[in-house]
């Protein structure tokens, strides 16, 4: 599969869950996120994925995930702005992998406002998840 360059969400209501991955490359956290989004959508919970940056296939036949790409570099200001636009109106944003947590936590300070806010980083094989609560690491 190839990645779809796409910054803003097409028309229609936002999903219930946005799964953010570092790149479109087929690696552990990225594959887990894409599979989880598909499983949740199949159970009636609208879910979308989005990659902070494009990936490249490093293994023969490895390919990349077919998810919208938000920018050229994971933590670039333009990428973070695109992430904020994409996450607008989405009640749950899940960061999958180590680089996605700071990318999601920075705009979350604006999303949360005065409300309590928790963000979790999901990684395959972790018994628990690291969390940023109200913008602070827990």
N, C-alpha and C. Protein backbone atom coordinates (compact mmCIF):
# COMPACT_ATOMS: atom_id res chain seq x y z
N UNK A 1 0.84 -1.18 0.00
CA UNK A 1 0.00 0.00 0.00
C UNK A 1 0.88 1.24 0.00
N UNK A 2 0.37 2.28 -0.54
CA UNK A 2 1.10 3.54 -0.52
C UNK A 2 0.35 4.52 0.36
N UNK A 3 1.05 5.50 0.86
CA UNK A 3 0.41 6.48 1.74
C UNK A 3 -0.34 7.51 0.91
N UNK A 4 -1.42 8.01 1.48
CA UNK A 4 -2.22 9.04 0.82
C UNK A 4 -1.83 10.38 1.40
N UNK A 5 -1.23 11.30 0.60
CA UNK A 5 -0.95 12.61 1.15
C UNK A 5 -2.27 13.33 1.38
N UNK A 6 -2.50 13.72 2.60
CA UNK A 6 -3.78 14.32 2.95
C UNK A 6 -3.61 15.07 4.26
N UNK A 7 -3.97 16.31 4.30
CA UNK A 7 -3.79 17.08 5.53
C UNK A 7 -5.10 17.25 6.26
N UNK A 8 -6.11 17.75 5.61
CA UNK A 8 -7.38 17.99 6.27
C UNK A 8 -8.35 16.86 6.03
N UNK A 9 -9.23 16.65 6.99
CA UNK A 9 -10.24 15.60 6.89
C UNK A 9 -11.23 15.96 5.80
N UNK A 10 -11.65 14.98 5.00
CA UNK A 10 -12.68 15.28 4.01
C UNK A 10 -13.98 15.61 4.72
N UNK A 11 -14.96 16.12 3.98
CA UNK A 11 -16.25 16.50 4.57
C UNK A 11 -16.87 15.36 5.36
N UNK A 12 -17.74 15.71 6.25
CA UNK A 12 -18.39 14.71 7.08
C UNK A 12 -18.00 14.88 8.53
N UNK A 13 -18.69 14.16 9.40
CA UNK A 13 -18.42 14.30 10.82
C UNK A 13 -17.06 13.69 11.20
N UNK A 14 -16.45 14.20 12.26
CA UNK A 14 -15.18 13.63 12.68
C UNK A 14 -15.38 12.23 13.26
N UNK A 15 -14.33 11.41 13.26
CA UNK A 15 -14.45 10.07 13.84
C UNK A 15 -14.52 10.16 15.35
N UNK A 16 -14.87 9.07 16.00
CA UNK A 16 -14.88 9.02 17.46
C UNK A 16 -13.46 8.89 18.01
N UNK A 17 -12.57 8.26 17.23
CA UNK A 17 -11.19 8.04 17.67
C UNK A 17 -10.25 8.34 16.50
N UNK A 18 -9.21 9.12 16.79
CA UNK A 18 -8.14 9.37 15.82
C UNK A 18 -6.88 8.68 16.34
N UNK A 19 -6.33 7.77 15.54
CA UNK A 19 -5.12 7.04 15.89
C UNK A 19 -3.95 7.71 15.17
N UNK A 20 -2.99 8.23 15.92
CA UNK A 20 -1.86 8.95 15.33
C UNK A 20 -0.63 8.05 15.38
N UNK A 21 0.01 7.89 14.21
CA UNK A 21 1.23 7.09 14.12
C UNK A 21 2.37 7.98 13.60
N UNK A 22 3.59 7.57 13.86
CA UNK A 22 4.75 8.38 13.47
C UNK A 22 4.89 8.47 11.96
N UNK A 23 4.82 7.33 11.28
CA UNK A 23 4.97 7.32 9.83
C UNK A 23 4.10 6.22 9.24
N UNK A 24 4.07 6.16 7.94
CA UNK A 24 3.28 5.14 7.27
C UNK A 24 4.05 3.82 7.15
N UNK A 25 5.28 3.79 7.62
CA UNK A 25 6.10 2.59 7.54
C UNK A 25 5.46 1.45 8.33
N UNK A 26 5.51 0.25 7.83
CA UNK A 26 4.94 -0.92 8.50
C UNK A 26 5.88 -1.38 9.60
N UNK A 27 5.62 -0.87 10.81
CA UNK A 27 6.39 -1.28 11.99
C UNK A 27 5.39 -1.59 13.08
N UNK A 28 5.86 -2.01 14.24
CA UNK A 28 5.00 -2.48 15.32
C UNK A 28 3.88 -1.55 15.73
N UNK A 29 4.21 -0.35 16.19
CA UNK A 29 3.19 0.58 16.68
C UNK A 29 2.26 1.01 15.55
N UNK A 30 2.83 1.22 14.37
CA UNK A 30 2.02 1.66 13.24
C UNK A 30 1.02 0.58 12.82
N UNK A 31 1.48 -0.66 12.74
CA UNK A 31 0.60 -1.77 12.35
C UNK A 31 -0.47 -2.00 13.41
N UNK A 32 -0.08 -1.93 14.68
CA UNK A 32 -1.05 -2.08 15.78
C UNK A 32 -2.14 -1.02 15.67
N UNK A 33 -1.77 0.22 15.42
CA UNK A 33 -2.74 1.31 15.33
C UNK A 33 -3.71 1.11 14.17
N UNK A 34 -3.19 0.75 13.01
CA UNK A 34 -4.03 0.55 11.83
C UNK A 34 -5.00 -0.61 12.07
N UNK A 35 -4.50 -1.69 12.67
CA UNK A 35 -5.35 -2.84 12.97
C UNK A 35 -6.41 -2.49 14.02
N UNK A 36 -6.03 -1.74 15.04
CA UNK A 36 -6.98 -1.34 16.08
C UNK A 36 -8.06 -0.43 15.50
N UNK A 37 -7.69 0.53 14.68
CA UNK A 37 -8.67 1.43 14.06
C UNK A 37 -9.67 0.63 13.23
N UNK A 38 -9.18 -0.34 12.47
CA UNK A 38 -10.07 -1.17 11.64
C UNK A 38 -11.00 -2.01 12.50
N UNK A 39 -10.47 -2.56 13.60
CA UNK A 39 -11.29 -3.39 14.48
C UNK A 39 -12.37 -2.56 15.17
N UNK A 40 -12.01 -1.36 15.62
CA UNK A 40 -13.00 -0.48 16.26
C UNK A 40 -14.08 -0.05 15.25
N UNK A 41 -13.66 0.28 14.04
CA UNK A 41 -14.62 0.69 13.01
C UNK A 41 -15.57 -0.47 12.68
N UNK A 42 -15.04 -1.69 12.63
CA UNK A 42 -15.87 -2.85 12.35
C UNK A 42 -16.90 -3.09 13.45
N UNK A 43 -16.62 -2.60 14.64
CA UNK A 43 -17.54 -2.76 15.77
C UNK A 43 -18.43 -1.53 15.96
N UNK A 44 -18.41 -0.64 14.99
CA UNK A 44 -19.31 0.50 15.01
C UNK A 44 -18.77 1.77 15.64
N UNK A 45 -17.48 1.80 15.99
CA UNK A 45 -16.87 3.00 16.56
C UNK A 45 -16.01 3.65 15.48
N UNK A 46 -16.50 4.73 14.86
CA UNK A 46 -15.75 5.34 13.76
C UNK A 46 -14.33 5.74 14.19
N UNK A 47 -13.35 5.19 13.50
CA UNK A 47 -11.94 5.44 13.82
C UNK A 47 -11.18 5.76 12.55
N UNK A 48 -10.21 6.65 12.67
CA UNK A 48 -9.34 7.02 11.55
C UNK A 48 -7.90 6.98 12.02
N UNK A 49 -7.01 6.81 11.07
CA UNK A 49 -5.59 6.89 11.35
C UNK A 49 -5.00 8.10 10.66
N UNK A 50 -3.85 8.53 11.13
CA UNK A 50 -3.12 9.62 10.51
C UNK A 50 -1.65 9.49 10.86
N UNK A 51 -0.78 9.66 9.88
CA UNK A 51 0.66 9.56 10.11
C UNK A 51 1.26 10.95 10.16
N UNK A 52 2.17 11.16 11.09
CA UNK A 52 2.83 12.46 11.20
C UNK A 52 3.71 12.74 9.98
N UNK A 53 4.28 11.69 9.39
CA UNK A 53 5.18 11.85 8.25
C UNK A 53 5.10 10.61 7.37
N UNK A 54 5.56 10.73 6.12
CA UNK A 54 5.56 9.54 5.26
C UNK A 54 6.60 8.54 5.73
N UNK A 55 6.41 7.32 5.37
CA UNK A 55 7.38 6.27 5.68
C UNK A 55 7.96 5.72 4.40
N UNK A 56 8.91 4.87 4.55
CA UNK A 56 9.48 4.22 3.37
C UNK A 56 9.58 2.73 3.66
N UNK A 57 9.44 1.96 2.65
CA UNK A 57 9.54 0.52 2.79
C UNK A 57 11.00 0.16 2.90
N UNK A 58 11.38 -0.50 4.00
CA UNK A 58 12.77 -0.90 4.18
C UNK A 58 12.95 -2.38 3.93
N UNK A 59 11.87 -3.13 3.91
CA UNK A 59 11.95 -4.56 3.67
C UNK A 59 11.26 -4.88 2.35
N UNK A 60 11.80 -5.83 1.61
CA UNK A 60 11.13 -6.22 0.37
C UNK A 60 9.70 -6.68 0.67
N UNK A 61 8.77 -6.10 -0.05
CA UNK A 61 7.37 -6.46 0.15
C UNK A 61 6.75 -5.86 1.40
N UNK A 62 7.52 -5.04 2.15
CA UNK A 62 7.03 -4.46 3.39
C UNK A 62 5.94 -3.43 3.16
N UNK A 63 6.17 -2.55 2.21
CA UNK A 63 5.17 -1.54 1.89
C UNK A 63 4.95 -0.56 3.02
N UNK A 64 3.95 0.28 2.82
CA UNK A 64 3.58 1.26 3.83
C UNK A 64 2.08 1.20 4.06
N UNK A 65 1.64 1.75 5.17
CA UNK A 65 0.21 1.79 5.49
C UNK A 65 -0.46 2.89 4.68
N UNK A 66 -1.70 2.63 4.29
CA UNK A 66 -2.48 3.58 3.51
C UNK A 66 -3.30 4.46 4.45
N UNK A 67 -2.63 5.42 5.04
CA UNK A 67 -3.30 6.38 5.93
C UNK A 67 -2.89 7.79 5.50
N UNK A 68 -3.70 8.78 5.81
CA UNK A 68 -3.34 10.15 5.47
C UNK A 68 -2.04 10.59 6.14
N UNK A 69 -1.23 11.33 5.42
CA UNK A 69 0.03 11.86 5.93
C UNK A 69 -0.17 13.33 6.26
N UNK A 70 0.22 13.73 7.47
CA UNK A 70 -0.01 15.10 7.94
C UNK A 70 1.10 16.07 7.60
N UNK A 71 2.31 15.60 7.39
CA UNK A 71 3.41 16.51 7.10
C UNK A 71 4.64 15.77 6.61
N UNK A 72 5.73 16.52 6.47
CA UNK A 72 6.96 15.94 5.97
C UNK A 72 7.89 15.44 7.05
N UNK A 73 7.72 15.93 8.28
CA UNK A 73 8.57 15.58 9.40
C UNK A 73 7.69 15.47 10.65
N UNK A 74 7.91 14.44 11.49
CA UNK A 74 6.98 14.19 12.60
C UNK A 74 6.70 15.35 13.54
N UNK A 75 7.69 16.15 13.88
CA UNK A 75 7.46 17.21 14.86
C UNK A 75 7.59 18.61 14.29
N UNK A 76 7.54 18.74 12.98
CA UNK A 76 7.63 20.05 12.33
C UNK A 76 6.39 20.88 12.67
N UNK A 77 6.53 22.18 12.81
CA UNK A 77 5.38 23.03 13.13
C UNK A 77 4.20 22.84 12.17
N UNK A 78 4.47 22.71 10.88
CA UNK A 78 3.38 22.52 9.91
C UNK A 78 2.66 21.20 10.15
N UNK A 79 3.40 20.17 10.53
CA UNK A 79 2.79 18.87 10.83
C UNK A 79 1.91 18.98 12.06
N UNK A 80 2.39 19.66 13.09
CA UNK A 80 1.61 19.81 14.32
C UNK A 80 0.34 20.63 14.08
N UNK A 81 0.43 21.64 13.22
CA UNK A 81 -0.77 22.42 12.87
C UNK A 81 -1.78 21.53 12.13
N UNK A 82 -1.28 20.71 11.20
CA UNK A 82 -2.16 19.79 10.46
C UNK A 82 -2.80 18.78 11.41
N UNK A 83 -2.04 18.31 12.39
CA UNK A 83 -2.59 17.38 13.38
C UNK A 83 -3.70 18.05 14.18
N UNK A 84 -3.48 19.29 14.57
CA UNK A 84 -4.50 20.00 15.34
C UNK A 84 -5.78 20.17 14.52
N UNK A 85 -5.64 20.50 13.23
CA UNK A 85 -6.82 20.61 12.36
C UNK A 85 -7.52 19.27 12.22
N UNK A 86 -6.75 18.22 12.03
CA UNK A 86 -7.32 16.88 11.83
C UNK A 86 -8.03 16.40 13.09
N UNK A 87 -7.53 16.76 14.26
CA UNK A 87 -8.10 16.29 15.52
C UNK A 87 -9.25 17.15 16.01
N UNK A 88 -9.51 18.26 15.35
CA UNK A 88 -10.59 19.16 15.78
C UNK A 88 -11.91 18.40 15.82
N UNK A 89 -12.57 18.43 16.95
CA UNK A 89 -13.86 17.78 17.11
C UNK A 89 -13.80 16.30 17.38
N UNK A 90 -12.61 15.72 17.43
CA UNK A 90 -12.47 14.29 17.71
C UNK A 90 -12.38 14.11 19.23
N UNK A 91 -13.28 13.33 19.83
CA UNK A 91 -13.26 13.19 21.29
C UNK A 91 -12.05 12.44 21.85
N UNK A 92 -11.50 11.49 21.08
CA UNK A 92 -10.38 10.68 21.58
C UNK A 92 -9.27 10.65 20.54
N UNK A 93 -8.07 11.03 20.97
CA UNK A 93 -6.88 10.96 20.12
C UNK A 93 -5.90 10.02 20.81
N UNK A 94 -5.50 8.96 20.10
CA UNK A 94 -4.58 7.97 20.67
C UNK A 94 -3.24 8.08 19.97
N UNK A 95 -2.18 8.27 20.74
CA UNK A 95 -0.82 8.35 20.22
C UNK A 95 -0.20 6.96 20.27
N UNK A 96 0.22 6.45 19.13
CA UNK A 96 0.83 5.13 19.04
C UNK A 96 2.31 5.30 18.73
N UNK A 97 3.19 4.97 19.67
CA UNK A 97 4.62 5.08 19.45
C UNK A 97 5.21 6.28 20.18
N UNK A 98 6.53 6.28 20.30
CA UNK A 98 7.20 7.26 21.14
C UNK A 98 7.17 8.69 20.62
N UNK A 99 7.23 8.91 19.33
CA UNK A 99 7.26 10.29 18.80
C UNK A 99 5.88 10.92 18.72
N UNK A 100 4.84 10.10 18.76
CA UNK A 100 3.50 10.64 18.63
C UNK A 100 2.99 11.27 19.93
N UNK A 101 3.48 10.82 21.08
CA UNK A 101 2.99 11.37 22.34
C UNK A 101 3.30 12.86 22.46
N UNK A 102 4.55 13.31 22.23
CA UNK A 102 4.77 14.77 22.30
C UNK A 102 4.03 15.52 21.20
N UNK A 103 3.88 14.91 20.04
CA UNK A 103 3.15 15.58 18.95
C UNK A 103 1.69 15.78 19.33
N UNK A 104 1.10 14.81 20.00
CA UNK A 104 -0.30 14.92 20.41
C UNK A 104 -0.45 15.72 21.70
N UNK A 105 0.53 15.68 22.57
CA UNK A 105 0.42 16.39 23.85
C UNK A 105 0.49 17.90 23.68
N UNK A 106 1.30 18.38 22.74
CA UNK A 106 1.42 19.83 22.55
C UNK A 106 0.09 20.46 22.18
N UNK A 107 -0.60 19.97 21.15
CA UNK A 107 -1.90 20.57 20.85
C UNK A 107 -2.96 20.24 21.89
N UNK A 108 -2.77 19.17 22.65
CA UNK A 108 -3.78 18.78 23.65
C UNK A 108 -3.95 19.84 24.71
N UNK A 109 -2.91 20.61 24.96
CA UNK A 109 -3.03 21.68 25.95
C UNK A 109 -4.12 22.65 25.52
N UNK A 110 -4.24 22.88 24.23
CA UNK A 110 -5.31 23.76 23.72
C UNK A 110 -6.64 23.03 23.69
N UNK A 111 -6.62 21.71 23.37
CA UNK A 111 -7.86 20.94 23.30
C UNK A 111 -8.50 20.85 24.68
N UNK A 112 -7.66 20.64 25.69
CA UNK A 112 -8.17 20.36 27.02
C UNK A 112 -8.75 21.60 27.69
N UNK A 113 -8.10 22.73 27.51
CA UNK A 113 -8.58 23.94 28.17
C UNK A 113 -8.68 23.73 29.67
N UNK A 114 -9.83 24.01 30.22
CA UNK A 114 -10.02 23.85 31.66
C UNK A 114 -10.48 22.45 32.03
N UNK A 115 -10.85 21.65 31.05
CA UNK A 115 -11.32 20.29 31.32
C UNK A 115 -10.14 19.39 31.62
N UNK A 116 -10.41 18.29 32.32
CA UNK A 116 -9.34 17.33 32.55
C UNK A 116 -9.06 16.62 31.24
N UNK A 117 -7.85 16.22 31.05
CA UNK A 117 -7.45 15.63 29.78
C UNK A 117 -6.42 14.54 30.06
N UNK A 118 -6.59 13.39 29.45
CA UNK A 118 -5.61 12.31 29.56
C UNK A 118 -5.29 11.81 28.16
N UNK A 119 -4.01 11.58 27.91
CA UNK A 119 -3.58 11.03 26.63
C UNK A 119 -2.69 9.84 26.93
N UNK A 120 -2.86 8.79 26.17
CA UNK A 120 -2.08 7.58 26.39
C UNK A 120 -1.28 7.23 25.16
N UNK A 121 -0.08 6.71 25.39
CA UNK A 121 0.75 6.20 24.31
C UNK A 121 0.64 4.69 24.35
N UNK A 122 0.11 4.09 23.31
CA UNK A 122 -0.03 2.64 23.24
C UNK A 122 1.11 2.06 22.44
N UNK A 123 1.74 1.04 23.00
CA UNK A 123 2.82 0.36 22.30
C UNK A 123 2.60 -1.13 22.42
N UNK A 124 2.66 -1.85 21.32
CA UNK A 124 2.47 -3.30 21.39
C UNK A 124 3.46 -3.92 22.36
N UNK A 125 2.99 -4.82 23.19
CA UNK A 125 3.85 -5.50 24.13
C UNK A 125 3.97 -4.82 25.47
N UNK A 126 3.52 -3.57 25.58
CA UNK A 126 3.55 -2.89 26.86
C UNK A 126 2.44 -3.44 27.74
N UNK A 127 2.76 -3.68 28.99
CA UNK A 127 1.72 -4.09 29.93
C UNK A 127 0.88 -2.90 30.33
N UNK A 128 1.49 -1.75 30.36
CA UNK A 128 0.78 -0.52 30.70
C UNK A 128 1.01 0.49 29.60
N UNK A 129 0.60 1.69 29.83
CA UNK A 129 0.80 2.75 28.85
C UNK A 129 1.34 3.97 29.57
N UNK A 130 2.24 4.68 28.92
CA UNK A 130 2.70 5.95 29.47
C UNK A 130 1.62 6.96 29.22
N UNK A 131 1.51 7.90 30.10
CA UNK A 131 0.41 8.87 29.95
C UNK A 131 0.89 10.28 30.17
N UNK A 132 0.23 11.20 29.50
CA UNK A 132 0.38 12.62 29.78
C UNK A 132 -0.98 13.08 30.25
N UNK A 133 -1.04 13.59 31.45
CA UNK A 133 -2.31 14.02 32.02
C UNK A 133 -2.25 15.53 32.18
N UNK A 134 -3.16 16.21 31.51
CA UNK A 134 -3.16 17.67 31.56
C UNK A 134 -1.87 18.27 31.07
N UNK A 135 -1.22 17.57 30.13
CA UNK A 135 0.02 18.08 29.54
C UNK A 135 1.26 17.71 30.31
N UNK A 136 1.13 17.01 31.45
CA UNK A 136 2.29 16.58 32.23
C UNK A 136 2.43 15.08 32.18
N UNK A 137 3.66 14.57 32.15
CA UNK A 137 3.87 13.13 32.13
C UNK A 137 3.46 12.54 33.45
N UNK A 138 2.78 11.42 33.40
CA UNK A 138 2.34 10.75 34.64
C UNK A 138 3.19 9.54 34.92
